[in-house]
Amino acid sequence: MTSNAGGSREAAHDGPFVERAGDLTVSGRMRGVGASPHAVESPLIVALHGGTYSSAYFDVPGYSLIDHAGALGLPIIALDRPGYGETTPLTPENATVAGNAERLDAILGEVWKRHGAGRSGLFLVGHSIGGAIAVSIAARRPAWPLVGIAVSGVGLVTPPESLDHWSALPQIPMIDLPAEVKDQVMFGPEWTFAPDMPSRSHVADAPVPRAELIDIVTTWHGSARDIASRVQVPVHYRQGEFDRLWITDADQVAGFGAAFSASPHVDAALYRCAGHCIDFHRLGLAFQLEQLAFALRSARLL
């Protein structure tokens, strides 16, 4: 990514992109980036998808965080994490939450240099493994101006059978989970999502690095509270009531929220009537508007 630190504005760009960030390739999709900000408090929003989805997770027609941010005049970039899309992969041993956080910290520095001129800072949205990575990036206290994070689909403890399930997967670097398997765990009861789901979400399906799945059910458990305690920016946290990938109840959500002990503001709550992928449920729009409103508030809280 070519530096734009001097503050000159480029033409607004919408749609998929592939760019260079030093020696790395980065892909994703963006909306309203390069457009003149409505106000100095307007942040640049960057979204990090979870495992088994690409950046298209945030741009499924009818459920698009990118569309909703664009309608509000908020610039947004959804990145393909390492190993997804055209983004340069990590080695299998480094395809972990910590490895992603280190790599993306550097990439986001380049994103800010190119696209941050005139913005109040960068706000991270992270879902599932992307949420754990967003927390880990914030805990690193990056050199670029992070103003807040919004995470969902991640918690403190996964069900005990999760490790057995993921460990039974083939010993290959990338796993392509069948859509019918994903549908069973990514969604709540049928009444929580519209008839066009889950099928509509499959446009965002992608192979996942096996190491990610193992890491999130092993290393993350022991380190989540410590990592969260080092975050010093505002935190918005939501966990779906019917999340089947995490042990989810009010006490777990409160416990994770309390772990952000150095944050100036934490808004943590159990999100009723939704499963793991809250965005794809009937209340997805309300959820995304909460995240976008929090991004605007965070730009004024620091």
C-alpha atoms as a PDB file:
ATOM      1  CA  MET A   1       0.000   0.000   0.000  1.00  0.00           C
ATOM      2  CA  THR A   2       1.414   3.332  -1.007  1.00  0.00           C
ATOM      3  CA  SER A   3       1.633   5.839   1.831  1.00  0.00           C
ATOM      4  CA  ASN A   4      -0.820   8.728   1.926  1.00  0.00           C
ATOM      5  CA  ALA A   5       0.526  10.182   5.156  1.00  0.00           C
ATOM      6  CA  GLY A   6       0.793  13.628   3.612  1.00  0.00           C
ATOM      7  CA  GLY A   7      -2.978  13.997   3.845  1.00  0.00           C
ATOM      8  CA  SER A   8      -3.950  14.265   0.175  1.00  0.00           C
ATOM      9  CA  ARG A   9      -7.293  12.659  -0.623  1.00  0.00           C
ATOM     10  CA  GLU A  10      -7.598  10.030  -3.330  1.00  0.00           C
ATOM     11  CA  ALA A  11     -10.750   9.372  -5.323  1.00  0.00           C
ATOM     12  CA  ALA A  12     -13.381   7.392  -3.437  1.00  0.00           C
ATOM     13  CA  HIS A  13     -13.195   3.678  -4.196  1.00  0.00           C
ATOM     14  CA  ASP A  14     -15.967   1.119  -3.882  1.00  0.00           C
ATOM     15  CA  GLY A  15     -15.786  -2.625  -4.402  1.00  0.00           C
ATOM     16  CA  PRO A  16     -13.199  -5.413  -4.266  1.00  0.00           C
ATOM     17  CA  PHE A  17      -9.499  -4.556  -4.217  1.00  0.00           C
ATOM     18  CA  VAL A  18      -6.074  -6.168  -4.233  1.00  0.00           C
ATOM     19  CA  GLU A  19      -3.178  -4.029  -3.010  1.00  0.00           C
ATOM     20  CA  ARG A  20       0.403  -4.358  -1.878  1.00  0.00           C
ATOM     21  CA  ALA A  21       1.442  -3.740   1.736  1.00  0.00           C
ATOM     22  CA  GLY A  22       5.206  -3.850   1.695  1.00  0.00           C
ATOM     23  CA  ASP A  23       6.119  -7.370   0.587  1.00  0.00           C
ATOM     24  CA  LEU A  24       2.587  -8.661   1.189  1.00  0.00           C
ATOM     25  CA  THR A  25      -0.556  -8.824  -0.923  1.00  0.00           C
ATOM     26  CA  VAL A  26      -3.829  -7.766   0.723  1.00  0.00           C
ATOM     27  CA  SER A  27      -7.325  -8.183  -0.698  1.00  0.00           C
ATOM     28  CA  GLY A  28     -10.814  -7.292   0.447  1.00  0.00           C
ATOM     29  CA  ARG A  29     -13.598  -4.866  -0.363  1.00  0.00           C
ATOM     30  CA  MET A  30     -14.287  -1.257   0.556  1.00  0.00           C
ATOM     31  CA  ARG A  31     -16.902   1.475   0.415  1.00  0.00           C
ATOM     32  CA  GLY A  32     -16.550   5.258   0.702  1.00  0.00           C
ATOM     33  CA  VAL A  33     -12.804   5.130   1.258  1.00  0.00           C
ATOM     34  CA  GLY A  34     -11.143   8.251  -0.060  1.00  0.00           C
ATOM     35  CA  ALA A  35     -14.337  10.325   0.119  1.00  0.00           C
ATOM     36  CA  SER A  36     -14.223  13.535   2.103  1.00  0.00           C
ATOM     37  CA  PRO A  37     -15.317  12.961   5.726  1.00  0.00           C
ATOM     38  CA  HIS A  38     -18.572  14.505   6.920  1.00  0.00           C
ATOM     39  CA  ALA A  39     -16.927  15.420  10.215  1.00  0.00           C
ATOM     40  CA  VAL A  40     -13.525  15.125  11.849  1.00  0.00           C
ATOM     41  CA  GLU A  41     -14.970  12.569  14.296  1.00  0.00           C
ATOM     42  CA  SER A  42     -15.706  10.096  11.482  1.00  0.00           C
ATOM     43  CA  PRO A  43     -13.489   6.997  11.880  1.00  0.00           C
ATOM     44  CA  LEU A  44     -12.203   4.609   9.260  1.00  0.00           C
ATOM     45  CA  ILE A  45     -13.877   1.251   9.965  1.00  0.00           C
ATOM     46  CA  VAL A  46     -11.993  -1.967   9.234  1.00  0.00           C
ATOM     47  CA  ALA A  47     -13.777  -5.320   9.542  1.00  0.00           C
ATOM     48  CA  LEU A  48     -12.112  -8.695  10.190  1.00  0.00           C
ATOM     49  CA  HIS A  49     -14.089 -11.832   9.290  1.00  0.00           C
ATOM     50  CA  GLY A  50     -14.144 -15.114  11.176  1.00  0.00           C
ATOM     51  CA  GLY A  51     -12.991 -18.563  10.173  1.00  0.00           C
ATOM     52  CA  THR A  52     -14.572 -20.257   7.115  1.00  0.00           C
ATOM     53  CA  TYR A  53     -15.685 -16.883   5.683  1.00  0.00           C
ATOM     54  CA  SER A  54     -13.918 -14.327   3.493  1.00  0.00           C
ATOM     55  CA  SER A  55     -14.335 -10.542   3.605  1.00  0.00           C
ATOM     56  CA  ALA A  56     -17.597 -11.172   1.722  1.00  0.00           C
ATOM     57  CA  TYR A  57     -19.070 -11.978   5.148  1.00  0.00           C
ATOM     58  CA  PHE A  58     -19.540  -8.232   5.582  1.00  0.00           C
ATOM     59  CA  ASP A  59     -21.067  -7.731   2.145  1.00  0.00           C
ATOM     60  CA  VAL A  60     -23.780 -10.368   1.698  1.00  0.00           C
ATOM     61  CA  PRO A  61     -26.634  -8.621  -0.187  1.00  0.00           C
ATOM     62  CA  GLY A  62     -29.378  -7.642   2.212  1.00  0.00           C
ATOM     63  CA  TYR A  63     -27.118  -8.239   5.239  1.00  0.00           C
ATOM     64  CA  SER A  64     -24.164  -6.032   4.341  1.00  0.00           C
ATOM     65  CA  LEU A  65     -22.344  -4.052   7.015  1.00  0.00           C
ATOM     66  CA  ILE A  66     -20.530  -2.388   4.127  1.00  0.00           C
ATOM     67  CA  ASP A  67     -23.814  -1.185   2.613  1.00  0.00           C
ATOM     68  CA  HIS A  68     -25.114   0.074   5.945  1.00  0.00           C
ATOM     69  CA  ALA A  69     -21.893   1.917   6.753  1.00  0.00           C
ATOM     70  CA  GLY A  70     -21.882   3.428   3.265  1.00  0.00           C
ATOM     71  CA  ALA A  71     -25.470   4.638   3.665  1.00  0.00           C
ATOM     72  CA  LEU A  72     -24.325   6.555   6.752  1.00  0.00           C
ATOM     73  CA  GLY A  73     -21.325   8.051   4.986  1.00  0.00           C
ATOM     74  CA  LEU A  74     -18.853   5.983   7.008  1.00  0.00           C
ATOM     75  CA  PRO A  75     -15.804   4.646   5.127  1.00  0.00           C
ATOM     76  CA  ILE A  76     -15.297   0.919   5.616  1.00  0.00           C
ATOM     77  CA  ILE A  77     -12.786  -1.710   4.543  1.00  0.00           C
ATOM     78  CA  ALA A  78     -13.388  -5.441   5.000  1.00  0.00           C
ATOM     79  CA  LEU A  79     -10.046  -7.217   4.777  1.00  0.00           C
ATOM     80  CA  ASP A  80      -9.384 -10.774   3.740  1.00  0.00           C
ATOM     81  CA  ARG A  81      -7.287 -12.107   6.594  1.00  0.00           C
ATOM     82  CA  PRO A  82      -4.052 -14.004   5.847  1.00  0.00           C
ATOM     83  CA  GLY A  83      -4.856 -17.169   3.909  1.00  0.00           C
ATOM     84  CA  TYR A  84      -8.182 -15.835   2.597  1.00  0.00           C
ATOM     85  CA  GLY A  85      -8.854 -14.272  -0.800  1.00  0.00           C
ATOM     86  CA  GLU A  86      -5.630 -12.945  -2.313  1.00  0.00           C
ATOM     87  CA  THR A  87      -4.075 -11.980   1.040  1.00  0.00           C
ATOM     88  CA  THR A  88      -0.654 -13.510   1.627  1.00  0.00           C
ATOM     89  CA  PRO A  89      -1.046 -16.531   3.928  1.00  0.00           C
ATOM     90  CA  LEU A  90       0.813 -17.200   7.142  1.00  0.00           C
ATOM     91  CA  THR A  91       2.837 -20.370   7.529  1.00  0.00           C
ATOM     92  CA  PRO A  92       0.762 -23.155   9.174  1.00  0.00           C
ATOM     93  CA  GLU A  93       2.597 -22.785  12.478  1.00  0.00           C
ATOM     94  CA  ASN A  94       1.852 -19.053  12.548  1.00  0.00           C
ATOM     95  CA  ALA A  95      -1.782 -19.252  11.394  1.00  0.00           C
ATOM     96  CA  THR A  96      -2.994 -18.524  14.927  1.00  0.00           C
ATOM     97  CA  VAL A  97      -4.796 -15.670  16.647  1.00  0.00           C
ATOM     98  CA  ALA A  98      -1.454 -14.214  17.769  1.00  0.00           C
ATOM     99  CA  GLY A  99       0.113 -14.688  14.330  1.00  0.00           C
ATOM    100  CA  ASN A 100      -2.828 -12.987  12.634  1.00  0.00           C
ATOM    101  CA  ALA A 101      -2.704 -10.108  15.113  1.00  0.00           C
ATOM    102  CA  GLU A 102       0.987  -9.471  14.481  1.00  0.00           C
ATOM    103  CA  ARG A 103       0.615  -9.594  10.699  1.00  0.00           C
ATOM    104  CA  LEU A 104      -2.555  -7.482  10.625  1.00  0.00           C
ATOM    105  CA  ASP A 105      -1.122  -4.886  13.015  1.00  0.00           C
ATOM    106  CA  ALA A 106       1.503  -4.137  10.364  1.00  0.00           C
ATOM    107  CA  ILE A 107      -1.016  -4.259   7.501  1.00  0.00           C
ATOM    108  CA  LEU A 108      -3.411  -1.931   9.321  1.00  0.00           C
ATOM    109  CA  GLY A 109      -0.577   0.536   9.794  1.00  0.00           C
ATOM    110  CA  GLU A 110      -0.260   0.639   6.020  1.00  0.00           C
ATOM    111  CA  VAL A 111      -4.050   0.891   5.625  1.00  0.00           C
ATOM    112  CA  TRP A 112      -4.051   3.899   7.932  1.00  0.00           C
ATOM    113  CA  LYS A 113      -1.185   5.599   6.080  1.00  0.00           C
ATOM    114  CA  ARG A 114      -2.999   5.261   2.778  1.00  0.00           C
ATOM    115  CA  HIS A 115      -6.636   5.717   3.722  1.00  0.00           C
ATOM    116  CA  GLY A 116      -6.733   7.457   7.111  1.00  0.00           C
ATOM    117  CA  ALA A 117      -6.185  11.084   6.117  1.00  0.00           C
ATOM    118  CA  GLY A 118      -8.910  13.300   7.590  1.00  0.00           C
ATOM    119  CA  ARG A 119     -10.291  10.546   9.844  1.00  0.00           C
ATOM    120  CA  SER A 120     -10.343  10.545  13.626  1.00  0.00           C
ATOM    121  CA  GLY A 121      -8.801   7.076  13.850  1.00  0.00           C
ATOM    122  CA  LEU A 122      -9.340   3.462  12.933  1.00  0.00           C
ATOM    123  CA  PHE A 123     -12.177   1.393  14.430  1.00  0.00           C
ATOM    124  CA  LEU A 124     -12.003  -2.417  14.264  1.00  0.00           C
ATOM    125  CA  VAL A 125     -15.005  -4.722  13.852  1.00  0.00           C
ATOM    126  CA  GLY A 126     -14.228  -8.390  14.388  1.00  0.00           C
ATOM    127  CA  HIS A 127     -16.414 -11.484  14.167  1.00  0.00           C
ATOM    128  CA  SER A 128     -15.623 -14.896  15.706  1.00  0.00           C
ATOM    129  CA  ILE A 129     -11.900 -15.663  15.246  1.00  0.00           C
ATOM    130  CA  GLY A 130     -11.709 -12.190  13.708  1.00  0.00           C
ATOM    131  CA  GLY A 131     -13.066 -10.885  17.020  1.00  0.00           C
ATOM    132  CA  ALA A 132     -10.326 -12.637  18.976  1.00  0.00           C
ATOM    133  CA  ILE A 133      -7.807 -11.166  16.545  1.00  0.00           C
ATOM    134  CA  ALA A 134      -9.281  -7.666  16.921  1.00  0.00           C
ATOM    135  CA  VAL A 135      -8.960  -7.926  20.727  1.00  0.00           C
ATOM    136  CA  SER A 136      -5.376  -9.156  20.312  1.00  0.00           C
ATOM    137  CA  ILE A 137      -4.494  -6.280  17.977  1.00  0.00           C
ATOM    138  CA  ALA A 138      -5.928  -3.779  20.457  1.00  0.00           C
ATOM    139  CA  ALA A 139      -3.942  -5.421  23.260  1.00  0.00           C
ATOM    140  CA  ARG A 140      -0.752  -4.766  21.278  1.00  0.00           C
ATOM    141  CA  ARG A 141      -1.501  -1.013  21.597  1.00  0.00           C
ATOM    142  CA  PRO A 142      -0.628  -0.337  17.966  1.00  0.00           C
ATOM    143  CA  ALA A 143       1.285   2.693  16.767  1.00  0.00           C
ATOM    144  CA  TRP A 144      -1.558   3.741  14.462  1.00  0.00           C
ATOM    145  CA  PRO A 145      -4.592   5.461  16.080  1.00  0.00           C
ATOM    146  CA  LEU A 146      -7.072   2.785  17.165  1.00  0.00           C
ATOM    147  CA  VAL A 147     -10.223   4.409  18.602  1.00  0.00           C
ATOM    148  CA  GLY A 148     -12.233   1.314  19.544  1.00  0.00           C
ATOM    149  CA  ILE A 149     -13.316  -2.228  18.740  1.00  0.00           C
ATOM    150  CA  ALA A 150     -16.613  -4.064  18.263  1.00  0.00           C
ATOM    151  CA  VAL A 151     -16.434  -7.850  18.584  1.00  0.00           C
ATOM    152  CA  SER A 152     -18.961 -10.674  18.422  1.00  0.00           C
ATOM    153  CA  GLY A 153     -19.018 -14.444  18.163  1.00  0.00           C
ATOM    154  CA  VAL A 154     -16.085 -14.924  20.542  1.00  0.00           C
ATOM    155  CA  GLY A 155     -15.977 -15.589  24.260  1.00  0.00           C
ATOM    156  CA  LEU A 156     -14.029 -17.213  27.063  1.00  0.00           C
ATOM    157  CA  VAL A 157     -14.872 -20.908  26.774  1.00  0.00           C
ATOM    158  CA  THR A 158     -15.897 -23.220  23.934  1.00  0.00           C
ATOM    159  CA  PRO A 159     -17.863 -26.429  24.554  1.00  0.00           C
ATOM    160  CA  PRO A 160     -15.557 -29.271  25.677  1.00  0.00           C
ATOM    161  CA  GLU A 161     -16.310 -31.318  22.555  1.00  0.00           C
ATOM    162  CA  SER A 162     -15.021 -28.569  20.229  1.00  0.00           C
ATOM    163  CA  LEU A 163     -11.383 -29.639  20.427  1.00  0.00           C
ATOM    164  CA  ASP A 164     -12.305 -33.219  19.564  1.00  0.00           C
ATOM    165  CA  HIS A 165     -14.333 -32.046  16.563  1.00  0.00           C
ATOM    166  CA  TRP A 166     -11.614 -29.801  15.153  1.00  0.00           C
ATOM    167  CA  SER A 167      -8.803 -32.259  15.930  1.00  0.00           C
ATOM    168  CA  ALA A 168     -10.634 -34.911  13.903  1.00  0.00           C
ATOM    169  CA  LEU A 169     -10.382 -32.794  10.747  1.00  0.00           C
ATOM    170  CA  PRO A 170      -7.923 -33.971   8.082  1.00  0.00           C
ATOM    171  CA  GLN A 171      -4.272 -33.088   8.697  1.00  0.00           C
ATOM    172  CA  ILE A 172      -4.121 -30.594   5.827  1.00  0.00           C
ATOM    173  CA  PRO A 173      -3.390 -26.840   5.991  1.00  0.00           C
ATOM    174  CA  MET A 174      -6.756 -25.636   4.635  1.00  0.00           C
ATOM    175  CA  ILE A 175     -10.162 -27.076   5.492  1.00  0.00           C
ATOM    176  CA  ASP A 176     -13.261 -26.519   3.354  1.00  0.00           C
ATOM    177  CA  LEU A 177     -16.212 -27.193   5.654  1.00  0.00           C
ATOM    178  CA  PRO A 178     -19.411 -28.317   3.886  1.00  0.00           C
ATOM    179  CA  ALA A 179     -22.161 -25.705   3.900  1.00  0.00           C
ATOM    180  CA  GLU A 180     -24.582 -28.021   5.683  1.00  0.00           C
ATOM    181  CA  VAL A 181     -22.118 -28.434   8.561  1.00  0.00           C
ATOM    182  CA  LYS A 182     -21.682 -24.682   8.886  1.00  0.00           C
ATOM    183  CA  ASP A 183     -25.424 -24.067   8.795  1.00  0.00           C
ATOM    184  CA  GLN A 184     -25.862 -26.228  11.884  1.00  0.00           C
ATOM    185  CA  VAL A 185     -23.510 -24.133  14.029  1.00  0.00           C
ATOM    186  CA  MET A 186     -23.610 -20.612  12.580  1.00  0.00           C
ATOM    187  CA  PHE A 187     -27.350 -20.008  12.998  1.00  0.00           C
ATOM    188  CA  GLY A 188     -29.921 -19.991  15.781  1.00  0.00           C
ATOM    189  CA  PRO A 189     -33.384 -21.585  15.606  1.00  0.00           C
ATOM    190  CA  GLU A 190     -35.251 -21.190  12.305  1.00  0.00           C
ATOM    191  CA  TRP A 191     -37.472 -18.425  13.657  1.00  0.00           C
ATOM    192  CA  THR A 192     -34.399 -16.222  14.253  1.00  0.00           C
ATOM    193  CA  PHE A 193     -33.490 -15.884  10.560  1.00  0.00           C
ATOM    194  CA  ALA A 194     -35.329 -15.132   7.323  1.00  0.00           C
ATOM    195  CA  PRO A 195     -36.226 -17.771   4.677  1.00  0.00           C
ATOM    196  CA  ASP A 196     -33.339 -16.653   2.425  1.00  0.00           C
ATOM    197  CA  MET A 197     -30.872 -17.734   5.096  1.00  0.00           C
ATOM    198  CA  PRO A 198     -28.621 -19.667   5.565  1.00  0.00           C
ATOM    199  CA  SER A 199     -28.347 -20.201   1.784  1.00  0.00           C
ATOM    200  CA  ARG A 200     -27.656 -16.551   1.058  1.00  0.00           C
ATOM    201  CA  SER A 201     -24.640 -16.540   3.356  1.00  0.00           C
ATOM    202  CA  HIS A 202     -22.833 -19.218   1.343  1.00  0.00           C
ATOM    203  CA  VAL A 203     -21.495 -16.632  -1.090  1.00  0.00           C
ATOM    204  CA  ALA A 204     -19.036 -15.728   1.698  1.00  0.00           C
ATOM    205  CA  ASP A 205     -17.879 -19.302   2.411  1.00  0.00           C
ATOM    206  CA  ALA A 206     -14.140 -19.944   2.221  1.00  0.00           C
ATOM    207  CA  PRO A 207     -11.615 -22.605   3.249  1.00  0.00           C
ATOM    208  CA  VAL A 208     -10.151 -22.032   6.728  1.00  0.00           C
ATOM    209  CA  PRO A 209      -6.587 -22.636   7.949  1.00  0.00           C
ATOM    210  CA  ARG A 210      -6.832 -25.710  10.184  1.00  0.00           C
ATOM    211  CA  ALA A 211      -4.422 -24.115  12.665  1.00  0.00           C
ATOM    212  CA  GLU A 212      -6.949 -21.316  13.347  1.00  0.00           C
ATOM    213  CA  LEU A 213      -9.602 -23.768  14.469  1.00  0.00           C
ATOM    214  CA  ILE A 214      -7.237 -25.625  16.796  1.00  0.00           C
ATOM    215  CA  ASP A 215      -5.762 -22.432  18.244  1.00  0.00           C
ATOM    216  CA  ILE A 216      -9.089 -20.812  19.129  1.00  0.00           C
ATOM    217  CA  VAL A 217     -10.145 -23.834  21.229  1.00  0.00           C
ATOM    218  CA  THR A 218      -6.767 -24.288  22.934  1.00  0.00           C
ATOM    219  CA  THR A 219      -4.495 -21.253  23.314  1.00  0.00           C
ATOM    220  CA  TRP A 220      -7.269 -18.634  23.406  1.00  0.00           C
ATOM    221  CA  HIS A 221      -8.917 -20.158  26.482  1.00  0.00           C
ATOM    222  CA  GLY A 222      -5.854 -19.656  28.618  1.00  0.00           C
ATOM    223  CA  SER A 223      -4.949 -16.205  27.378  1.00  0.00           C
ATOM    224  CA  ALA A 224      -8.243 -14.403  26.656  1.00  0.00           C
ATOM    225  CA  ARG A 225      -8.563 -12.636  30.011  1.00  0.00           C
ATOM    226  CA  ASP A 226      -4.947 -11.470  30.003  1.00  0.00           C
ATOM    227  CA  ILE A 227      -5.189 -10.218  26.422  1.00  0.00           C
ATOM    228  CA  ALA A 228      -8.446  -8.378  27.143  1.00  0.00           C
ATOM    229  CA  SER A 229      -6.938  -6.740  30.238  1.00  0.00           C
ATOM    230  CA  ARG A 230      -4.388  -4.942  28.027  1.00  0.00           C
ATOM    231  CA  VAL A 231      -6.965  -3.278  25.777  1.00  0.00           C
ATOM    232  CA  GLN A 232      -7.133   0.477  26.400  1.00  0.00           C
ATOM    233  CA  VAL A 233      -9.820   1.555  23.921  1.00  0.00           C
ATOM    234  CA  PRO A 234     -13.644   1.394  24.112  1.00  0.00           C
ATOM    235  CA  VAL A 235     -15.110  -2.086  23.559  1.00  0.00           C
ATOM    236  CA  HIS A 236     -18.496  -3.132  22.170  1.00  0.00           C
ATOM    237  CA  TYR A 237     -19.161  -6.839  22.729  1.00  0.00           C
ATOM    238  CA  ARG A 238     -22.164  -8.922  21.719  1.00  0.00           C
ATOM    239  CA  GLN A 239     -22.639 -12.666  21.908  1.00  0.00           C
ATOM    240  CA  GLY A 240     -25.604 -14.411  20.265  1.00  0.00           C
ATOM    241  CA  GLU A 241     -28.076 -16.059  22.612  1.00  0.00           C
ATOM    242  CA  PHE A 242     -28.006 -19.242  20.511  1.00  0.00           C
ATOM    243  CA  ASP A 243     -24.275 -19.298  19.707  1.00  0.00           C
ATOM    244  CA  ARG A 244     -23.417 -22.989  19.328  1.00  0.00           C
ATOM    245  CA  LEU A 245     -19.638 -22.487  19.118  1.00  0.00           C
ATOM    246  CA  TRP A 246     -19.210 -20.937  22.571  1.00  0.00           C
ATOM    247  CA  ILE A 247     -20.606 -21.497  26.043  1.00  0.00           C
ATOM    248  CA  THR A 248     -22.968 -18.551  26.016  1.00  0.00           C
ATOM    249  CA  ASP A 249     -24.919 -17.141  28.925  1.00  0.00           C
ATOM    250  CA  ALA A 250     -25.183 -13.872  30.808  1.00  0.00           C
ATOM    251  CA  ASP A 251     -22.403 -14.815  33.246  1.00  0.00           C
ATOM    252  CA  GLN A 252     -19.960 -15.677  30.458  1.00  0.00           C
ATOM    253  CA  VAL A 253     -20.704 -12.428  28.647  1.00  0.00           C
ATOM    254  CA  ALA A 254     -20.313 -10.410  31.847  1.00  0.00           C
ATOM    255  CA  GLY A 255     -17.060 -12.218  32.604  1.00  0.00           C
ATOM    256  CA  PHE A 256     -15.571 -11.412  29.226  1.00  0.00           C
ATOM    257  CA  GLY A 257     -16.718  -7.806  29.495  1.00  0.00           C
ATOM    258  CA  ALA A 258     -15.150  -7.495  32.947  1.00  0.00           C
ATOM    259  CA  ALA A 259     -11.834  -8.748  31.570  1.00  0.00           C
ATOM    260  CA  PHE A 260     -11.444  -5.445  29.668  1.00  0.00           C
ATOM    261  CA  SER A 261     -10.341  -3.799  32.914  1.00  0.00           C
ATOM    262  CA  ALA A 262      -8.185  -1.118  31.274  1.00  0.00           C
ATOM    263  CA  SER A 263     -10.814  -0.018  28.745  1.00  0.00           C
ATOM    264  CA  PRO A 264     -12.405   3.405  29.353  1.00  0.00           C
ATOM    265  CA  HIS A 265     -15.816   2.075  28.270  1.00  0.00           C
ATOM    266  CA  VAL A 266     -17.169  -1.461  27.836  1.00  0.00           C
ATOM    267  CA  ASP A 267     -20.629  -2.257  26.462  1.00  0.00           C
ATOM    268  CA  ALA A 268     -21.080  -6.027  26.789  1.00  0.00           C
ATOM    269  CA  ALA A 269     -24.382  -7.861  26.407  1.00  0.00           C
ATOM    270  CA  LEU A 270     -25.985 -11.128  25.388  1.00  0.00           C
ATOM    271  CA  TYR A 271     -27.743 -10.587  22.051  1.00  0.00           C
ATOM    272  CA  ARG A 272     -31.164 -12.209  22.114  1.00  0.00           C
ATOM    273  CA  CYS A 273     -32.797 -14.015  19.189  1.00  0.00           C
ATOM    274  CA  ALA A 274     -29.591 -14.677  17.225  1.00  0.00           C
ATOM    275  CA  GLY A 275     -26.980 -17.364  16.696  1.00  0.00           C
ATOM    276  CA  HIS A 276     -23.227 -17.200  16.093  1.00  0.00           C
ATOM    277  CA  CYS A 277     -23.413 -15.065  12.938  1.00  0.00           C
ATOM    278  CA  ILE A 278     -25.617 -12.310  14.363  1.00  0.00           C
ATOM    279  CA  ASP A 279     -25.268 -10.333  11.109  1.00  0.00           C
ATOM    280  CA  PHE A 280     -27.251 -12.966   9.190  1.00  0.00           C
ATOM    281  CA  HIS A 281     -30.241 -13.096  11.534  1.00  0.00           C
ATOM    282  CA  ARG A 282     -33.470 -11.084  11.544  1.00  0.00           C
ATOM    283  CA  LEU A 283     -31.937  -8.647  14.026  1.00  0.00           C
ATOM    284  CA  GLY A 284     -28.741  -8.303  12.004  1.00  0.00           C
ATOM    285  CA  LEU A 285     -29.482  -4.760  10.868  1.00  0.00           C
ATOM    286  CA  ALA A 286     -30.176  -3.591  14.414  1.00  0.00           C
ATOM    287  CA  PHE A 287     -26.934  -5.242  15.533  1.00  0.00           C
ATOM    288  CA  GLN A 288     -24.863  -3.607  12.803  1.00  0.00           C
ATOM    289  CA  LEU A 289     -26.345  -0.184  13.511  1.00  0.00           C
ATOM    290  CA  GLU A 290     -25.322  -0.629  17.160  1.00  0.00           C
ATOM    291  CA  GLN A 291     -21.755  -1.326  16.058  1.00  0.00           C
ATOM    292  CA  LEU A 292     -21.652   1.667  13.722  1.00  0.00           C
ATOM    293  CA  ALA A 293     -23.120   3.970  16.371  1.00  0.00           C
ATOM    294  CA  PHE A 294     -20.505   2.732  18.834  1.00  0.00           C
ATOM    295  CA  ALA A 295     -17.775   3.463  16.291  1.00  0.00           C
ATOM    296  CA  LEU A 296     -18.956   7.074  16.074  1.00  0.00           C
ATOM    297  CA  ARG A 297     -19.160   7.347  19.862  1.00  0.00           C
ATOM    298  CA  SER A 298     -15.714   5.841  20.326  1.00  0.00           C
ATOM    299  CA  ALA A 299     -14.173   8.538  18.169  1.00  0.00           C
ATOM    300  CA  ARG A 300     -15.346  11.028  20.826  1.00  0.00           C
ATOM    301  CA  LEU A 301     -14.615   8.929  23.934  1.00  0.00           C
ATOM    302  CA  LEU A 302     -10.809   8.939  23.669  1.00  0.00           C
END
